Amino acid sequence: MKNITILALLLLLVGCSQQGAADQKETVSEKEKVGTVNEDSVKEVVKETATKGEKESETEKPLPDLSQYETVKLEKKEESFEIEIEYPSFGYEPIDKLLAGEMQSQFENSQEAAKEIIEDPAYEKEEGLGTKIKYSYSVSFKAPVVTDDFVSIYFDVYIYMGGVHGMEQSYAFNYDLKNNRLMNLEDVLSEKGTTLQNVSKLVAEELINSDLFAEYRPDPVTFTYKEDVKKETEPTTTNYYAFSLTEDAIILYKQFYSLFPNSEGVVGVAVSWDKIDAATEEKKNDIVYQNDDHHFALRLPASWEGKYVVKEGDWNVAAEMSYDFQFMHNGKEICNIFSISVINTESADDTGPMNLIANHNGKSYVWNSIMEMPPELLEGGELQELEEEFARMVNEEVPEIMETFTFE
């Protein structure tokens, strides 16, 4: 219950997250709306960087040296809580105005939320003392990354509400200097010609293969660990709401609950632009399978070239047709990889144990993959050297292929 409370609080407090922020704000309860700053609040005031009435557009002037910045500190300390927020000020109005507005709002919200929490009868007390634990909320930032194209600032959030450890969260501020606008993840990936689905695969590869995470994974890497990685890196905005940028990479942040101990807090996984470019180029070479009878299409990895053949099957008595993708080696058909069946109903009850892809024009499209490794590919079999490759095709690539299913 405590974790749920903290997460709900964070959704209220963090205003700078560029991914899913609107959805987060809608979850805030009425009692957690913005309050007012007390008169004894401390604020280091930033000097104004533009004269009032100045007619020249900020975008028409040369940029100041954004590598130089002042640190602005907002803090409020009382007997029952402490709030401390730090953020940079660059002397560049478009960025400074956004940051100051977001941080001031967060500062006010955090005080209001703190008061609500400590007045709640359910709020934890220190064992044996009978006094309420001191609530604390702090925000700090890492040195901003400044290029000719963008400014990226990563913020650490620490919330303490009792217990051995507090809770860490993160968010980032990413500003496009060329177009004078905030950037969300979709903007960044679209400009690179890639998708969240592609990048999430690269994040998973880093977690499975990078030496940076070797101490936390079994050696050799187990199927269970790979499945945990797959779940933790699903291409959803919830998983990737926090990201920052460097000239060489994008860094995606989250707390990997099933992979790392809680003491690790938020972990950043860096994926280089070179890897993203290579993966994007590789996707251009995907094999497109088109089914002319039922007008659907799939995209298969280029690595499948020469390793499969598609046959029509009648093994599924519930289907009007099945399309069987068979594994080939040296021109010889070995076994089934997966099948897509077309069932003449849109009722999920009639699809059996197979996986539903879509309902379309009164029909259900379902898929299933081979359930057991063929004897030829097992240890001692004549094709045992293909076991790992075939397992990857079935367990990792087939589910990804299903995500590319479209009707023409």
Protein backbone atom coordinates (compact mmCIF):
# COMPACT_ATOMS: atom_id res chain seq x y z
CA MET A 1 0.00 0.00 0.00
CA LYS A 2 2.86 2.36 0.79
CA ASN A 3 4.33 1.98 -2.71
CA ILE A 4 0.96 2.81 -4.26
CA THR A 5 0.70 5.92 -2.08
CA ILE A 6 4.16 7.10 -3.02
CA LEU A 7 3.57 6.57 -6.72
CA ALA A 8 0.32 8.50 -6.57
CA LEU A 9 2.15 11.31 -4.81
CA LEU A 10 4.86 11.38 -7.44
CA LEU A 11 2.31 11.73 -10.22
CA LEU A 12 1.10 14.85 -8.46
CA LEU A 13 4.51 16.37 -7.80
CA VAL A 14 6.48 15.77 -10.96
CA GLY A 15 5.53 18.34 -13.57
CA CYS A 16 8.43 18.18 -16.03
CA SER A 17 8.03 14.63 -17.33
CA GLN A 18 7.52 14.93 -21.06
CA GLN A 19 5.91 11.52 -21.59
CA GLY A 20 2.41 10.89 -20.29
CA ALA A 21 2.31 13.98 -18.08
CA ALA A 22 -1.23 14.86 -19.03
CA ASP A 23 -2.47 11.40 -18.08
CA GLN A 24 -0.64 11.56 -14.76
CA LYS A 25 -2.16 14.90 -13.75
CA GLU A 26 -5.66 13.55 -14.26
CA THR A 27 -5.12 11.06 -11.42
CA VAL A 28 -4.59 13.74 -8.77
CA SER A 29 -7.35 13.86 -6.16
CA GLU A 30 -9.16 17.08 -5.27
CA LYS A 31 -7.42 17.42 -1.90
CA GLU A 32 -3.98 17.36 -3.61
CA LYS A 33 -4.51 20.42 -5.82
CA VAL A 34 -2.05 23.30 -5.83
CA GLY A 35 -1.68 25.20 -2.60
CA THR A 36 0.05 28.48 -1.80
CA VAL A 37 3.64 29.11 -0.74
CA ASN A 38 3.93 30.41 2.84
CA GLU A 39 5.57 33.79 3.40
CA ASP A 40 8.65 32.28 5.02
CA SER A 41 9.43 30.13 1.97
CA VAL A 42 12.96 30.65 0.74
CA LYS A 43 13.70 31.30 -2.91
CA GLU A 44 16.87 32.45 -4.61
CA VAL A 45 15.61 34.82 -7.28
CA VAL A 46 17.02 34.56 -10.79
CA LYS A 47 17.90 37.82 -12.54
CA GLU A 48 15.73 38.67 -15.49
CA THR A 49 17.44 37.99 -18.79
CA ALA A 50 15.23 40.06 -21.08
CA THR A 51 14.06 43.66 -20.81
CA LYS A 52 10.30 44.18 -20.65
CA GLY A 53 8.89 45.46 -23.89
CA GLU A 54 11.83 44.15 -25.87
CA LYS A 55 10.54 43.73 -29.41
CA GLU A 56 13.27 41.54 -30.82
CA SER A 57 12.28 37.89 -30.81
CA GLU A 58 14.34 35.64 -28.57
CA THR A 59 14.81 33.24 -31.47
CA GLU A 60 16.41 35.98 -33.56
CA LYS A 61 19.17 36.64 -31.05
CA PRO A 62 22.26 34.47 -30.69
CA LEU A 63 21.98 31.94 -27.89
CA PRO A 64 23.85 32.64 -24.67
CA ASP A 65 26.43 30.13 -23.48
CA LEU A 66 24.05 27.52 -22.09
CA SER A 67 26.91 25.54 -20.58
CA GLN A 68 27.00 28.27 -17.92
CA TYR A 69 24.09 28.27 -15.51
CA GLU A 70 23.08 29.22 -11.98
CA THR A 71 21.42 26.82 -9.57
CA VAL A 72 18.07 27.97 -8.23
CA LYS A 73 16.99 26.53 -4.89
CA LEU A 74 13.46 26.36 -3.50
CA GLU A 75 13.16 25.07 0.04
CA LYS A 76 10.70 24.88 2.87
CA LYS A 77 11.57 23.37 6.23
CA GLU A 78 9.13 22.81 9.07
CA GLU A 79 9.09 20.50 12.06
CA SER A 80 7.10 17.83 10.25
CA PHE A 81 8.45 18.05 6.69
CA GLU A 82 11.26 19.24 4.45
CA ILE A 83 10.97 20.28 0.80
CA GLU A 84 14.03 21.07 -1.29
CA ILE A 85 14.08 21.55 -5.06
CA GLU A 86 17.06 22.58 -7.18
CA TYR A 87 17.10 23.37 -10.88
CA PRO A 88 19.32 25.27 -13.33
CA SER A 89 18.75 28.74 -14.76
CA PHE A 90 20.54 29.53 -18.02
CA GLY A 91 19.78 33.19 -18.66
CA TYR A 92 17.74 32.10 -21.68
CA GLU A 93 14.11 33.03 -21.24
CA PRO A 94 12.37 30.27 -23.26
CA ILE A 95 13.97 27.56 -21.11
CA ASP A 96 14.10 29.46 -17.83
CA LYS A 97 10.42 30.37 -17.98
CA LEU A 98 9.36 26.76 -18.51
CA LEU A 99 11.63 25.40 -15.79
CA ALA A 100 10.71 28.09 -13.25
CA GLY A 101 6.99 27.59 -13.84
CA GLU A 102 7.17 23.81 -13.52
CA MET A 103 9.39 23.87 -10.45
CA GLN A 104 7.34 26.50 -8.65
CA SER A 105 4.19 24.47 -9.28
CA GLN A 106 5.94 21.35 -8.02
CA PHE A 107 7.18 23.23 -4.94
CA GLU A 108 3.67 24.35 -4.05
CA ASN A 109 2.13 20.94 -4.75
CA SER A 110 4.74 19.15 -2.63
CA GLN A 111 3.94 21.30 0.41
CA GLU A 112 0.22 20.74 0.07
CA ALA A 113 0.73 17.01 -0.39
CA ALA A 114 3.08 16.84 2.60
CA LYS A 115 0.52 18.46 4.87
CA GLU A 116 -2.20 16.10 3.72
CA ILE A 117 0.01 13.06 4.27
CA ILE A 118 1.26 13.92 7.75
CA GLU A 119 -2.27 14.77 8.91
CA ASP A 120 -3.56 11.40 7.72
CA PRO A 121 -4.20 9.09 10.74
CA ALA A 122 -2.75 6.19 8.73
CA TYR A 123 0.62 7.93 8.34
CA GLU A 124 3.39 5.83 9.93
CA LYS A 125 4.92 6.69 13.30
CA GLU A 126 8.40 6.04 14.56
CA GLU A 127 8.44 2.83 16.53
CA GLY A 128 8.32 3.42 20.27
CA LEU A 129 8.45 7.20 20.07
CA GLY A 130 4.85 8.02 19.26
CA THR A 131 5.87 10.87 16.98
CA LYS A 132 5.22 11.11 13.27
CA ILE A 133 8.10 10.51 10.89
CA LYS A 134 9.46 13.59 9.19
CA TYR A 135 8.32 13.62 5.58
CA SER A 136 10.90 14.78 3.04
CA TYR A 137 10.84 15.50 -0.66
CA SER A 138 13.90 16.57 -2.62
CA VAL A 139 14.76 17.15 -6.26
CA SER A 140 18.29 17.46 -7.59
CA PHE A 141 19.71 17.49 -11.11
CA LYS A 142 22.72 16.21 -12.98
CA ALA A 143 24.87 18.53 -15.09
CA PRO A 144 22.77 19.51 -18.13
CA VAL A 145 23.77 18.14 -21.51
CA VAL A 146 23.94 21.04 -23.94
CA THR A 147 24.47 20.70 -27.69
CA ASP A 148 23.69 22.95 -30.67
CA ASP A 149 20.38 21.10 -31.01
CA PHE A 150 19.05 20.48 -27.50
CA VAL A 151 19.31 20.90 -23.75
CA SER A 152 18.65 17.78 -21.68
CA ILE A 153 18.41 17.85 -17.87
CA TYR A 154 17.96 14.75 -15.74
CA PHE A 155 16.31 15.16 -12.31
CA ASP A 156 16.49 12.78 -9.35
CA VAL A 157 13.52 12.72 -6.97
CA TYR A 158 13.79 11.30 -3.46
CA ILE A 159 10.75 10.85 -1.21
CA TYR A 160 10.96 9.64 2.38
CA MET A 161 7.81 8.56 4.20
CA GLY A 162 9.28 6.17 6.74
CA GLY A 163 10.93 2.78 6.64
CA VAL A 164 14.54 1.84 6.03
CA HIS A 165 14.76 3.50 2.63
CA GLY A 166 12.95 6.26 0.84
CA MET A 167 11.78 6.00 -2.73
CA GLU A 168 13.59 7.23 -5.81
CA GLN A 169 12.02 8.44 -9.01
CA SER A 170 13.21 10.48 -11.96
CA TYR A 171 12.16 12.67 -14.82
CA ALA A 172 13.87 14.79 -17.45
CA PHE A 173 13.52 18.10 -19.25
CA ASN A 174 14.40 17.90 -22.95
CA TYR A 175 14.30 21.11 -24.98
CA ASP A 176 14.66 21.43 -28.75
CA LEU A 177 16.79 24.55 -29.41
CA LYS A 178 16.19 24.51 -33.17
CA ASN A 179 12.41 24.64 -32.87
CA ASN A 180 12.11 26.19 -29.39
CA ARG A 181 9.89 23.49 -27.92
CA LEU A 182 9.86 20.69 -25.39
CA MET A 183 10.53 17.24 -26.83
CA ASN A 184 8.74 14.06 -25.85
CA LEU A 185 10.00 10.57 -26.60
CA GLU A 186 7.87 10.24 -29.70
CA ASP A 187 9.43 13.43 -31.12
CA VAL A 188 12.96 12.16 -30.56
CA LEU A 189 12.39 8.68 -31.96
CA SER A 190 10.42 9.96 -34.93
CA GLU A 191 13.27 12.30 -35.86
CA LYS A 192 15.59 9.29 -35.76
CA GLY A 193 13.24 7.31 -37.97
CA THR A 194 12.66 4.62 -35.37
CA THR A 195 9.97 3.49 -32.93
CA LEU A 196 9.61 2.75 -29.24
CA GLN A 197 9.19 -0.93 -30.10
CA ASN A 198 12.62 -0.99 -31.76
CA VAL A 199 14.32 0.95 -28.97
CA SER A 200 12.76 -1.21 -26.25
CA LYS A 201 14.38 -4.26 -27.89
CA LEU A 202 17.76 -2.51 -27.68
CA VAL A 203 17.18 -1.70 -24.01
CA ALA A 204 16.45 -5.39 -23.42
CA GLU A 205 19.64 -6.38 -25.24
CA GLU A 206 21.67 -4.05 -23.01
CA LEU A 207 20.19 -5.61 -19.88
CA ILE A 208 20.90 -9.12 -21.17
CA ASN A 209 24.35 -8.56 -22.66
CA SER A 210 26.01 -5.44 -21.25
CA ASP A 211 28.83 -5.86 -18.72
CA LEU A 212 27.30 -2.94 -16.78
CA PHE A 213 24.52 -5.22 -15.51
CA ALA A 214 26.42 -8.51 -15.33
CA GLU A 215 26.48 -8.67 -11.51
CA TYR A 216 22.69 -8.75 -11.35
CA ARG A 217 21.95 -11.51 -13.85
CA PRO A 218 22.64 -15.25 -13.81
CA ASP A 219 25.51 -16.65 -15.84
CA PRO A 220 24.64 -18.11 -18.22
CA VAL A 221 21.54 -16.00 -18.75
CA THR A 222 18.41 -18.03 -18.04
CA PHE A 223 15.14 -18.12 -19.92
CA THR A 224 13.39 -16.78 -16.79
CA TYR A 225 15.71 -13.75 -16.68
CA LYS A 226 15.04 -13.04 -20.36
CA GLU A 227 11.29 -13.24 -19.73
CA ASP A 228 11.63 -10.78 -16.82
CA VAL A 229 13.59 -8.42 -19.05
CA LYS A 230 10.94 -8.69 -21.72
CA LYS A 231 8.20 -7.72 -19.26
CA GLU A 232 10.22 -4.85 -17.77
CA THR A 233 11.01 -3.38 -21.19
CA GLU A 234 7.64 -3.59 -22.91
CA PRO A 235 7.25 -0.64 -25.31
CA THR A 236 4.78 1.37 -23.24
CA THR A 237 4.91 5.04 -22.23
CA THR A 238 4.66 3.94 -18.59
CA ASN A 239 7.98 2.14 -18.88
CA TYR A 240 9.69 4.96 -20.74
CA TYR A 241 8.24 8.16 -19.32
CA ALA A 242 11.72 9.34 -18.22
CA PHE A 243 14.57 9.77 -20.70
CA SER A 244 17.50 12.08 -21.25
CA LEU A 245 19.77 12.73 -24.21
CA THR A 246 23.48 12.97 -24.93
CA GLU A 247 25.28 13.52 -28.21
CA ASP A 248 26.00 9.79 -28.44
CA ALA A 249 22.99 8.10 -26.85
CA ILE A 250 19.53 8.20 -25.38
CA ILE A 251 19.24 7.12 -21.74
CA LEU A 252 15.99 5.56 -20.56
CA TYR A 253 15.24 5.41 -16.83
CA LYS A 254 13.01 3.22 -14.70
CA GLN A 255 13.05 1.07 -11.61
CA PHE A 256 13.48 -2.54 -12.73
CA TYR A 257 11.73 -4.23 -9.83
CA SER A 258 12.20 -7.82 -11.01
CA LEU A 259 15.82 -7.38 -12.15
CA PHE A 260 17.60 -5.25 -9.55
CA PRO A 261 17.36 -4.87 -5.78
CA ASN A 262 15.22 -1.96 -4.56
CA SER A 263 18.35 -0.32 -3.19
CA GLU A 264 19.47 0.33 -6.78
CA GLY A 265 16.51 2.66 -7.22
CA VAL A 266 16.11 4.14 -10.68
CA VAL A 267 18.48 2.67 -13.27
CA GLY A 268 19.40 4.35 -16.54
CA VAL A 269 20.02 2.21 -19.63
CA ALA A 270 21.94 3.98 -22.39
CA VAL A 271 21.35 3.01 -26.01
CA SER A 272 23.74 4.57 -28.50
CA TRP A 273 22.48 6.38 -31.58
CA ASP A 274 24.79 4.12 -33.61
CA LYS A 275 22.92 1.04 -32.38
CA ILE A 276 19.59 2.69 -33.05
CA ASP A 277 20.67 3.65 -36.58
CA ALA A 278 21.92 0.12 -37.27
CA ALA A 279 18.71 -1.46 -35.96
CA THR A 280 16.59 0.99 -37.98
CA GLU A 281 18.55 0.17 -41.13
CA GLU A 282 18.16 -3.54 -40.43
CA LYS A 283 14.37 -3.16 -40.15
CA LYS A 284 14.33 -1.78 -43.69
CA ASN A 285 15.51 -5.21 -44.84
CA ASP A 286 12.61 -7.05 -43.19
CA ILE A 287 10.88 -9.69 -45.29
CA VAL A 288 7.25 -8.77 -46.03
CA TYR A 289 4.88 -11.73 -46.22
CA GLN A 290 1.57 -10.92 -47.92
CA ASN A 291 -1.42 -13.23 -47.88
CA ASP A 292 -3.52 -12.60 -50.98
CA ASP A 293 -6.40 -14.84 -49.92
CA HIS A 294 -7.20 -13.01 -46.68
CA HIS A 295 -5.34 -9.75 -47.37
CA PHE A 296 -3.07 -9.58 -44.36
CA ALA A 297 0.66 -8.98 -44.09
CA LEU A 298 3.51 -9.77 -41.68
CA ARG A 299 7.07 -8.53 -41.40
CA LEU A 300 9.72 -11.20 -40.77
CA PRO A 301 13.33 -10.53 -39.75
CA ALA A 302 15.82 -10.45 -42.63
CA SER A 303 17.67 -13.28 -40.84
CA TRP A 304 14.77 -15.60 -41.77
CA GLU A 305 15.69 -15.45 -45.46
CA GLY A 306 15.94 -19.01 -46.76
CA LYS A 307 14.97 -20.49 -43.39
CA TYR A 308 11.20 -20.83 -43.81
CA VAL A 309 8.49 -21.78 -46.25
CA VAL A 310 4.73 -21.13 -45.95
CA LYS A 311 2.27 -23.96 -46.60
CA GLU A 312 -1.48 -24.23 -46.39
CA GLY A 313 -2.57 -26.68 -43.70
CA ASP A 314 -5.85 -28.39 -42.77
CA TRP A 315 -4.78 -29.74 -39.38
CA ASN A 316 -6.93 -27.21 -37.46
CA VAL A 317 -10.48 -28.58 -37.74
CA ALA A 318 -11.92 -25.32 -36.36
CA ALA A 319 -10.29 -23.21 -39.07
CA GLU A 320 -11.23 -22.66 -42.68
CA MET A 321 -7.50 -22.39 -43.42
CA SER A 322 -4.14 -22.45 -41.61
CA TYR A 323 -0.92 -20.96 -42.92
CA ASP A 324 2.03 -22.92 -41.57
CA PHE A 325 5.47 -21.30 -41.45
CA GLN A 326 7.86 -24.25 -41.63
CA PHE A 327 11.52 -24.22 -40.59
CA MET A 328 13.94 -25.00 -43.43
CA HIS A 329 17.60 -25.99 -43.34
CA ASN A 330 19.71 -26.64 -46.43
CA GLY A 331 16.53 -26.85 -48.48
CA LYS A 332 14.98 -29.48 -46.21
CA GLU A 333 11.77 -28.91 -44.24
CA ILE A 334 12.43 -29.64 -40.56
CA CYS A 335 9.38 -28.66 -38.50
CA ASN A 336 6.75 -26.01 -37.85
CA ILE A 337 7.77 -22.62 -36.46
CA PHE A 338 4.31 -21.07 -36.14
CA SER A 339 0.92 -21.07 -37.81
CA ILE A 340 -1.79 -18.50 -38.45
CA SER A 341 -5.33 -19.87 -38.63
CA VAL A 342 -8.44 -18.16 -39.98
CA ILE A 343 -11.59 -19.10 -38.08
CA ASN A 344 -15.03 -18.24 -39.42
CA THR A 345 -16.23 -16.50 -36.25
CA GLU A 346 -15.46 -13.42 -34.18
CA SER A 347 -16.30 -15.16 -30.91
CA ALA A 348 -13.27 -15.53 -28.67
CA ASP A 349 -14.86 -18.66 -27.19
CA ASP A 350 -14.41 -20.48 -30.49
CA THR A 351 -10.70 -19.85 -31.02
CA GLY A 352 -9.54 -22.61 -28.68
CA PRO A 353 -6.15 -22.44 -26.93
CA MET A 354 -4.56 -20.31 -29.65
CA ASN A 355 -3.60 -16.64 -29.42
CA LEU A 356 -6.00 -14.11 -30.92
CA ILE A 357 -4.41 -11.63 -33.33
CA ALA A 358 -7.49 -9.78 -34.60
CA ASN A 359 -11.15 -9.98 -35.51
CA HIS A 360 -11.93 -8.77 -39.01
CA ASN A 361 -14.96 -9.04 -41.31
CA GLY A 362 -16.61 -11.75 -39.24
CA LYS A 363 -13.47 -13.86 -38.90
CA SER A 364 -10.92 -14.47 -36.15
CA TYR A 365 -7.21 -14.58 -36.89
CA VAL A 366 -5.22 -16.62 -34.36
CA TRP A 367 -1.69 -17.94 -34.06
CA ASN A 368 0.20 -20.68 -32.30
CA SER A 369 3.84 -21.76 -32.29
CA ILE A 370 5.44 -25.18 -31.95
CA MET A 371 5.18 -26.42 -28.36
CA GLU A 372 8.26 -28.68 -28.11
CA MET A 373 11.75 -28.60 -29.53
CA PRO A 374 12.05 -31.15 -32.37
CA PRO A 375 14.34 -34.12 -31.57
CA GLU A 376 16.69 -33.22 -34.44
CA LEU A 377 17.55 -29.93 -32.69
CA LEU A 378 18.09 -31.31 -29.20
CA GLU A 379 21.47 -32.35 -27.81
CA GLY A 380 22.59 -35.44 -29.66
CA GLY A 381 20.36 -34.67 -32.64
CA GLU A 382 21.75 -34.24 -36.14
CA LEU A 383 20.96 -30.48 -36.08
CA GLN A 384 21.74 -29.71 -32.44
CA GLU A 385 23.87 -26.71 -33.48
CA LEU A 386 20.62 -24.98 -34.57
CA GLU A 387 18.87 -25.36 -31.20
CA GLU A 388 19.71 -21.89 -29.89
CA GLU A 389 18.83 -20.17 -33.18
CA PHE A 390 15.51 -22.00 -33.46
CA ALA A 391 14.64 -21.27 -29.82
CA ARG A 392 15.26 -17.56 -30.43
CA MET A 393 13.05 -17.60 -33.53
CA VAL A 394 10.16 -19.24 -31.65
CA ASN A 395 10.42 -17.57 -28.24
CA GLU A 396 11.58 -14.07 -29.16
CA GLU A 397 10.98 -13.31 -32.81
CA VAL A 398 7.59 -14.92 -33.43
CA PRO A 399 5.77 -12.74 -30.81
CA GLU A 400 7.41 -9.69 -32.39
CA ILE A 401 6.30 -10.81 -35.84
CA MET A 402 2.71 -11.03 -34.58
CA GLU A 403 2.88 -7.37 -33.58
CA THR A 404 3.46 -6.45 -37.25
CA PHE A 405 0.23 -8.14 -38.41
CA THR A 406 -1.85 -5.75 -40.54
CA PHE A 407 -4.71 -5.97 -43.01
CA GLU A 408 -4.15 -4.62 -46.50
